[in-house]
Amino acid sequence: DARGVEAGRAAAQLRGHAAGVVHRFPDRLLVVATAACAMRCRHCTRKNTLTPCRVLNGERGLRDLLRYLRARPAVREVIVSGGDPLLLPDERLLPMIERLAALKQLDAIRIGTDGDDHGTDQSADQCVR
C-alpha cells in the first residue's frame, strides 16, 4: 500500500542512500546507473525489477553519490551496473567513472556489463585506469 511505499522511501532517506545506490556490504557499493539493458540474461538478479527502478540520474545524482561515498570511507569498491552501463552515452558514463576514480578511498571501480558485443559503442579502454 501507499503508506508502506512512503515509509520505505523515508527509511532509505534516513539511511542516507542516494537514488540508484544499493549499499548492502560495508566495503562495497552498487550503483544502478541505468535501467536499459540489451539482454535478459537468465542469471541476472535484476532483470524483472529494472522497470521501473530508481537509477542514478544526472549531475545531482552523481553529486549525491560522491557525497555519500565521502561520508563512508570504509567503501573500497564501487560496482557500476544497472541494466547495462555500457549502453549509456560516453558523456554520461565516462565523467562518472572519472569522478569515482578521483576518490582516493576506492581500490576498484567495476562495470557490471554483459559485454559490448550487443550493439554498444563504448570504448572499454577509456574506463580502465
N, C-alpha and C. Protein backbone atom coordinates (compact mmCIF):
# COMPACT_ATOMS: atom_id res chain seq x y z
N ASP A 1 0.82 -1.19 0.00
CA ASP A 1 0.00 0.00 0.00
C ASP A 1 0.86 1.25 0.00
N ALA A 2 0.25 2.41 -0.23
CA ALA A 2 0.98 3.67 -0.38
C ALA A 2 1.75 4.04 0.89
N ARG A 3 1.17 3.73 2.07
CA ARG A 3 1.88 4.07 3.32
C ARG A 3 3.18 3.28 3.44
N GLY A 4 3.16 2.03 3.02
CA GLY A 4 4.36 1.20 3.07
C GLY A 4 5.44 1.71 2.14
N VAL A 5 5.03 2.14 0.95
CA VAL A 5 5.99 2.70 -0.02
C VAL A 5 6.62 3.96 0.54
N GLU A 6 5.80 4.86 1.09
CA GLU A 6 6.32 6.10 1.65
C GLU A 6 7.23 5.82 2.85
N ALA A 7 6.88 4.87 3.69
CA ALA A 7 7.72 4.53 4.83
C ALA A 7 9.07 3.99 4.35
N GLY A 8 9.04 3.20 3.28
CA GLY A 8 10.29 2.68 2.71
C GLY A 8 11.16 3.78 2.17
N ARG A 9 10.55 4.76 1.49
CA ARG A 9 11.32 5.90 0.96
C ARG A 9 11.92 6.71 2.10
N ALA A 10 11.15 6.94 3.14
CA ALA A 10 11.65 7.71 4.28
C ALA A 10 12.81 6.98 4.94
N ALA A 11 12.68 5.67 5.09
CA ALA A 11 13.76 4.90 5.72
C ALA A 11 15.03 4.96 4.88
N ALA A 12 14.89 4.89 3.55
CA ALA A 12 16.06 4.99 2.69
C ALA A 12 16.72 6.35 2.82
N GLN A 13 15.92 7.42 2.92
CA GLN A 13 16.49 8.74 3.07
C GLN A 13 17.20 8.87 4.41
N LEU A 14 16.63 8.27 5.45
CA LEU A 14 17.27 8.32 6.76
C LEU A 14 18.61 7.60 6.73
N ARG A 15 18.71 6.55 5.95
CA ARG A 15 19.98 5.82 5.84
C ARG A 15 20.97 6.58 4.98
N GLY A 16 20.53 7.62 4.30
CA GLY A 16 21.43 8.44 3.52
C GLY A 16 21.69 7.93 2.11
N HIS A 17 20.92 6.97 1.64
CA HIS A 17 21.15 6.44 0.30
C HIS A 17 20.77 7.47 -0.76
N ALA A 18 21.60 7.61 -1.73
CA ALA A 18 21.26 8.39 -2.92
C ALA A 18 20.43 7.49 -3.84
N ALA A 19 19.64 8.10 -4.71
CA ALA A 19 18.88 7.31 -5.68
C ALA A 19 19.84 6.49 -6.53
N GLY A 20 19.50 5.24 -6.74
CA GLY A 20 20.33 4.37 -7.55
C GLY A 20 21.49 3.73 -6.80
N VAL A 21 21.50 3.83 -5.48
CA VAL A 21 22.59 3.27 -4.67
C VAL A 21 22.06 2.08 -3.87
N VAL A 22 22.76 0.97 -3.96
CA VAL A 22 22.46 -0.21 -3.15
C VAL A 22 23.70 -0.47 -2.32
N HIS A 23 23.56 -0.36 -1.00
CA HIS A 23 24.71 -0.49 -0.10
C HIS A 23 24.41 -1.56 0.93
N ARG A 24 24.76 -2.80 0.61
CA ARG A 24 24.48 -3.93 1.49
C ARG A 24 25.69 -4.39 2.28
N PHE A 25 26.87 -4.09 1.80
CA PHE A 25 28.10 -4.52 2.45
C PHE A 25 28.91 -3.29 2.82
N PRO A 26 29.61 -3.30 3.95
CA PRO A 26 30.29 -2.08 4.41
C PRO A 26 31.37 -1.56 3.45
N ASP A 27 32.00 -2.45 2.68
CA ASP A 27 33.13 -2.04 1.84
C ASP A 27 32.81 -1.97 0.36
N ARG A 28 31.55 -2.19 -0.01
CA ARG A 28 31.19 -2.30 -1.42
C ARG A 28 29.85 -1.63 -1.65
N LEU A 29 29.73 -0.98 -2.81
CA LEU A 29 28.51 -0.25 -3.13
C LEU A 29 28.14 -0.50 -4.58
N LEU A 30 26.87 -0.73 -4.84
CA LEU A 30 26.36 -0.91 -6.20
C LEU A 30 25.66 0.36 -6.64
N VAL A 31 26.00 0.83 -7.83
CA VAL A 31 25.34 2.00 -8.42
C VAL A 31 24.51 1.51 -9.60
N VAL A 32 23.21 1.75 -9.54
CA VAL A 32 22.33 1.42 -10.66
C VAL A 32 22.34 2.64 -11.57
N ALA A 33 23.16 2.57 -12.62
CA ALA A 33 23.38 3.72 -13.48
C ALA A 33 22.33 3.87 -14.58
N THR A 34 21.65 2.79 -14.91
CA THR A 34 20.64 2.81 -15.96
C THR A 34 19.73 1.62 -15.81
N ALA A 35 18.52 1.76 -16.30
CA ALA A 35 17.60 0.62 -16.34
C ALA A 35 17.64 -0.06 -17.71
N ALA A 36 18.34 0.54 -18.66
CA ALA A 36 18.41 0.00 -20.01
C ALA A 36 19.31 -1.24 -20.05
N CYS A 37 18.84 -2.25 -20.75
CA CYS A 37 19.65 -3.46 -20.93
C CYS A 37 19.27 -4.09 -22.26
N ALA A 38 20.27 -4.51 -23.00
CA ALA A 38 20.01 -5.11 -24.31
C ALA A 38 19.72 -6.60 -24.20
N MET A 39 19.96 -7.18 -23.03
CA MET A 39 19.80 -8.61 -22.83
C MET A 39 18.85 -8.87 -21.67
N ARG A 40 18.37 -10.05 -21.56
CA ARG A 40 17.61 -10.53 -20.41
C ARG A 40 18.23 -11.87 -20.00
N CYS A 41 19.41 -11.77 -19.41
CA CYS A 41 20.17 -12.98 -19.06
C CYS A 41 19.46 -13.80 -17.99
N ARG A 42 19.54 -15.10 -18.10
CA ARG A 42 18.89 -15.97 -17.11
C ARG A 42 19.49 -15.80 -15.73
N HIS A 43 20.78 -15.48 -15.65
CA HIS A 43 21.45 -15.38 -14.35
C HIS A 43 21.26 -14.01 -13.69
N CYS A 44 20.67 -13.06 -14.40
CA CYS A 44 20.55 -11.69 -13.87
C CYS A 44 19.58 -11.65 -12.70
N THR A 45 20.01 -11.02 -11.62
CA THR A 45 19.15 -10.91 -10.44
C THR A 45 18.23 -9.70 -10.52
N ARG A 46 18.41 -8.82 -11.50
CA ARG A 46 17.60 -7.61 -11.59
C ARG A 46 16.73 -7.55 -12.84
N LYS A 47 16.72 -8.58 -13.66
CA LYS A 47 16.03 -8.49 -14.95
C LYS A 47 14.54 -8.18 -14.84
N ASN A 48 13.91 -8.57 -13.76
CA ASN A 48 12.48 -8.32 -13.62
C ASN A 48 12.18 -7.10 -12.76
N THR A 49 13.21 -6.40 -12.30
CA THR A 49 12.98 -5.25 -11.43
C THR A 49 13.52 -3.96 -12.02
N LEU A 50 14.00 -3.99 -13.23
CA LEU A 50 14.64 -2.80 -13.80
C LEU A 50 13.65 -1.70 -14.17
N THR A 51 12.45 -2.06 -14.55
CA THR A 51 11.50 -1.05 -14.97
C THR A 51 10.24 -1.17 -14.14
N PRO A 52 9.84 -0.22 -13.38
CA PRO A 52 10.59 0.99 -13.09
C PRO A 52 11.56 0.76 -11.94
N CYS A 53 12.64 1.48 -11.92
CA CYS A 53 13.57 1.40 -10.80
C CYS A 53 14.25 2.75 -10.63
N ARG A 54 14.80 2.95 -9.46
CA ARG A 54 15.50 4.20 -9.18
C ARG A 54 16.92 4.08 -9.68
N VAL A 55 17.32 4.97 -10.56
CA VAL A 55 18.67 4.95 -11.09
C VAL A 55 19.36 6.26 -10.73
N LEU A 56 20.68 6.21 -10.73
CA LEU A 56 21.47 7.42 -10.56
C LEU A 56 21.19 8.30 -11.77
N ASN A 57 20.82 9.53 -11.53
CA ASN A 57 20.37 10.35 -12.65
C ASN A 57 20.96 11.75 -12.58
N GLY A 58 21.66 12.12 -13.61
CA GLY A 58 22.13 13.48 -13.78
C GLY A 58 23.23 13.90 -12.83
N GLU A 59 23.58 15.17 -12.94
CA GLU A 59 24.65 15.75 -12.14
C GLU A 59 24.32 15.72 -10.65
N ARG A 60 23.07 15.99 -10.32
CA ARG A 60 22.68 15.97 -8.91
C ARG A 60 22.84 14.57 -8.32
N GLY A 61 22.42 13.56 -9.07
CA GLY A 61 22.57 12.18 -8.60
C GLY A 61 24.03 11.82 -8.39
N LEU A 62 24.88 12.26 -9.30
CA LEU A 62 26.31 11.98 -9.18
C LEU A 62 26.90 12.69 -7.97
N ARG A 63 26.51 13.95 -7.76
CA ARG A 63 26.98 14.69 -6.57
C ARG A 63 26.52 14.00 -5.28
N ASP A 64 25.27 13.53 -5.26
CA ASP A 64 24.75 12.82 -4.09
C ASP A 64 25.55 11.54 -3.84
N LEU A 65 25.86 10.83 -4.92
CA LEU A 65 26.65 9.60 -4.80
C LEU A 65 28.03 9.89 -4.23
N LEU A 66 28.71 10.90 -4.76
CA LEU A 66 30.05 11.24 -4.29
C LEU A 66 30.03 11.69 -2.83
N ARG A 67 29.03 12.45 -2.45
CA ARG A 67 28.87 12.88 -1.06
C ARG A 67 28.64 11.65 -0.15
N TYR A 68 27.80 10.74 -0.62
CA TYR A 68 27.51 9.52 0.12
C TYR A 68 28.80 8.71 0.34
N LEU A 69 29.59 8.59 -0.71
CA LEU A 69 30.84 7.83 -0.61
C LEU A 69 31.85 8.51 0.31
N ARG A 70 32.01 9.81 0.20
CA ARG A 70 32.96 10.53 1.06
C ARG A 70 32.60 10.38 2.54
N ALA A 71 31.32 10.25 2.82
CA ALA A 71 30.87 10.10 4.21
C ALA A 71 31.06 8.66 4.71
N ARG A 72 31.46 7.76 3.83
CA ARG A 72 31.64 6.35 4.17
C ARG A 72 32.99 5.86 3.68
N PRO A 73 34.07 6.22 4.38
CA PRO A 73 35.42 5.87 3.92
C PRO A 73 35.69 4.37 3.92
N ALA A 74 34.84 3.56 4.54
CA ALA A 74 35.02 2.11 4.53
C ALA A 74 34.71 1.51 3.16
N VAL A 75 33.99 2.25 2.31
CA VAL A 75 33.67 1.75 0.97
C VAL A 75 34.94 1.79 0.14
N ARG A 76 35.38 0.62 -0.35
CA ARG A 76 36.61 0.49 -1.12
C ARG A 76 36.35 0.11 -2.57
N GLU A 77 35.12 -0.31 -2.86
CA GLU A 77 34.80 -0.78 -4.22
C GLU A 77 33.42 -0.29 -4.62
N VAL A 78 33.31 0.18 -5.87
CA VAL A 78 32.02 0.59 -6.44
C VAL A 78 31.80 -0.25 -7.69
N ILE A 79 30.59 -0.81 -7.77
CA ILE A 79 30.19 -1.57 -8.94
C ILE A 79 29.14 -0.73 -9.68
N VAL A 80 29.46 -0.31 -10.89
CA VAL A 80 28.53 0.46 -11.71
C VAL A 80 27.78 -0.55 -12.58
N SER A 81 26.48 -0.63 -12.37
CA SER A 81 25.70 -1.66 -13.04
C SER A 81 24.38 -1.08 -13.50
N GLY A 82 23.37 -1.90 -13.58
CA GLY A 82 22.05 -1.44 -13.98
C GLY A 82 21.16 -2.65 -14.19
N GLY A 83 20.61 -2.62 -15.28
CA GLY A 83 20.81 -2.55 -16.67
C GLY A 83 22.30 -2.72 -17.03
N ASP A 84 22.61 -2.19 -18.15
CA ASP A 84 23.98 -2.28 -18.65
C ASP A 84 24.54 -0.87 -18.83
N PRO A 85 25.49 -0.48 -17.97
CA PRO A 85 26.02 0.88 -18.05
C PRO A 85 26.74 1.18 -19.36
N LEU A 86 27.16 0.16 -20.09
CA LEU A 86 27.82 0.43 -21.37
C LEU A 86 26.82 0.89 -22.44
N LEU A 87 25.54 0.86 -22.11
CA LEU A 87 24.54 1.43 -23.02
C LEU A 87 24.37 2.92 -22.82
N LEU A 88 24.95 3.46 -21.74
CA LEU A 88 24.92 4.90 -21.51
C LEU A 88 25.79 5.62 -22.53
N PRO A 89 25.44 6.83 -22.91
CA PRO A 89 26.34 7.60 -23.79
C PRO A 89 27.64 7.91 -23.05
N ASP A 90 28.72 8.02 -23.81
CA ASP A 90 30.03 8.33 -23.22
C ASP A 90 29.98 9.55 -22.32
N GLU A 91 29.21 10.56 -22.73
CA GLU A 91 29.19 11.81 -21.95
C GLU A 91 28.51 11.64 -20.59
N ARG A 92 27.83 10.53 -20.36
CA ARG A 92 27.29 10.24 -19.01
C ARG A 92 28.18 9.27 -18.25
N LEU A 93 28.63 8.21 -18.92
CA LEU A 93 29.39 7.17 -18.22
C LEU A 93 30.80 7.62 -17.86
N LEU A 94 31.52 8.18 -18.81
CA LEU A 94 32.94 8.50 -18.56
C LEU A 94 33.15 9.53 -17.45
N PRO A 95 32.37 10.62 -17.39
CA PRO A 95 32.55 11.54 -16.26
C PRO A 95 32.27 10.87 -14.91
N MET A 96 31.29 9.96 -14.88
CA MET A 96 31.00 9.25 -13.64
C MET A 96 32.21 8.42 -13.21
N ILE A 97 32.78 7.68 -14.14
CA ILE A 97 33.94 6.85 -13.84
C ILE A 97 35.13 7.73 -13.43
N GLU A 98 35.35 8.82 -14.14
CA GLU A 98 36.47 9.71 -13.80
C GLU A 98 36.32 10.29 -12.40
N ARG A 99 35.10 10.71 -12.05
CA ARG A 99 34.91 11.31 -10.73
C ARG A 99 34.99 10.27 -9.63
N LEU A 100 34.54 9.06 -9.90
CA LEU A 100 34.72 7.99 -8.92
C LEU A 100 36.20 7.65 -8.77
N ALA A 101 36.92 7.60 -9.87
CA ALA A 101 38.35 7.27 -9.83
C ALA A 101 39.15 8.31 -9.06
N ALA A 102 38.65 9.53 -8.97
CA ALA A 102 39.36 10.58 -8.22
C ALA A 102 39.25 10.38 -6.71
N LEU A 103 38.36 9.51 -6.26
CA LEU A 103 38.23 9.25 -4.83
C LEU A 103 39.34 8.31 -4.38
N LYS A 104 40.22 8.79 -3.53
CA LYS A 104 41.38 8.01 -3.09
C LYS A 104 40.99 6.77 -2.29
N GLN A 105 39.80 6.77 -1.68
CA GLN A 105 39.39 5.66 -0.84
C GLN A 105 39.09 4.40 -1.65
N LEU A 106 38.81 4.55 -2.96
CA LEU A 106 38.40 3.41 -3.77
C LEU A 106 39.60 2.64 -4.30
N ASP A 107 39.55 1.33 -4.10
CA ASP A 107 40.56 0.43 -4.66
C ASP A 107 40.13 -0.08 -6.03
N ALA A 108 38.82 -0.14 -6.26
CA ALA A 108 38.32 -0.70 -7.51
C ALA A 108 36.99 -0.07 -7.90
N ILE A 109 36.84 0.12 -9.20
CA ILE A 109 35.56 0.50 -9.79
C ILE A 109 35.30 -0.55 -10.85
N ARG A 110 34.24 -1.31 -10.68
CA ARG A 110 33.90 -2.36 -11.63
C ARG A 110 32.68 -1.93 -12.43
N ILE A 111 32.64 -2.35 -13.68
CA ILE A 111 31.49 -2.09 -14.52
C ILE A 111 30.79 -3.41 -14.76
N GLY A 112 29.57 -3.52 -14.25
CA GLY A 112 28.78 -4.74 -14.43
C GLY A 112 28.08 -4.68 -15.77
N THR A 113 28.54 -5.50 -16.69
CA THR A 113 28.01 -5.47 -18.06
C THR A 113 27.97 -6.88 -18.61
N ASP A 114 27.16 -7.05 -19.62
CA ASP A 114 27.13 -8.31 -20.35
C ASP A 114 28.15 -8.26 -21.48
N GLY A 115 28.91 -7.19 -21.55
CA GLY A 115 29.90 -7.04 -22.60
C GLY A 115 29.43 -6.04 -23.63
N ASP A 116 30.33 -5.65 -24.51
CA ASP A 116 29.91 -4.68 -25.50
C ASP A 116 29.81 -5.31 -26.88
N ASP A 117 29.35 -6.56 -26.90
CA ASP A 117 29.18 -7.22 -28.19
C ASP A 117 27.73 -7.23 -28.66
N HIS A 118 26.89 -6.41 -28.05
CA HIS A 118 25.48 -6.39 -28.45
C HIS A 118 25.01 -4.98 -28.78
N GLY A 119 25.84 -4.27 -29.53
CA GLY A 119 25.37 -3.00 -30.07
C GLY A 119 25.86 -1.77 -29.35
N THR A 120 26.66 -1.91 -28.31
CA THR A 120 27.16 -0.71 -27.65
C THR A 120 28.37 -0.21 -28.40
N ASP A 121 28.66 1.08 -28.25
CA ASP A 121 29.82 1.65 -28.92
C ASP A 121 30.82 2.20 -27.92
N GLN A 122 30.74 1.71 -26.67
CA GLN A 122 31.66 2.18 -25.64
C GLN A 122 33.07 1.67 -25.91
N SER A 123 34.02 2.48 -25.57
CA SER A 123 35.40 2.05 -25.62
C SER A 123 35.82 1.70 -24.20
N ALA A 124 35.99 0.41 -23.93
CA ALA A 124 36.36 -0.04 -22.59
C ALA A 124 37.73 0.53 -22.18
N ASP A 125 38.58 0.79 -23.16
CA ASP A 125 39.90 1.34 -22.85
C ASP A 125 39.81 2.68 -22.12
N GLN A 126 38.78 3.47 -22.39
CA GLN A 126 38.63 4.75 -21.76
C GLN A 126 38.26 4.62 -20.28
N CYS A 127 37.74 3.48 -19.88
CA CYS A 127 37.30 3.27 -18.50
C CYS A 127 38.37 2.60 -17.64
N VAL A 128 39.45 2.13 -18.22
CA VAL A 128 40.49 1.43 -17.48
C VAL A 128 41.50 2.41 -16.96
N ARG A 129 41.85 2.25 -15.68
CA ARG A 129 42.90 3.13 -15.17
C ARG A 129 44.16 2.38 -14.93
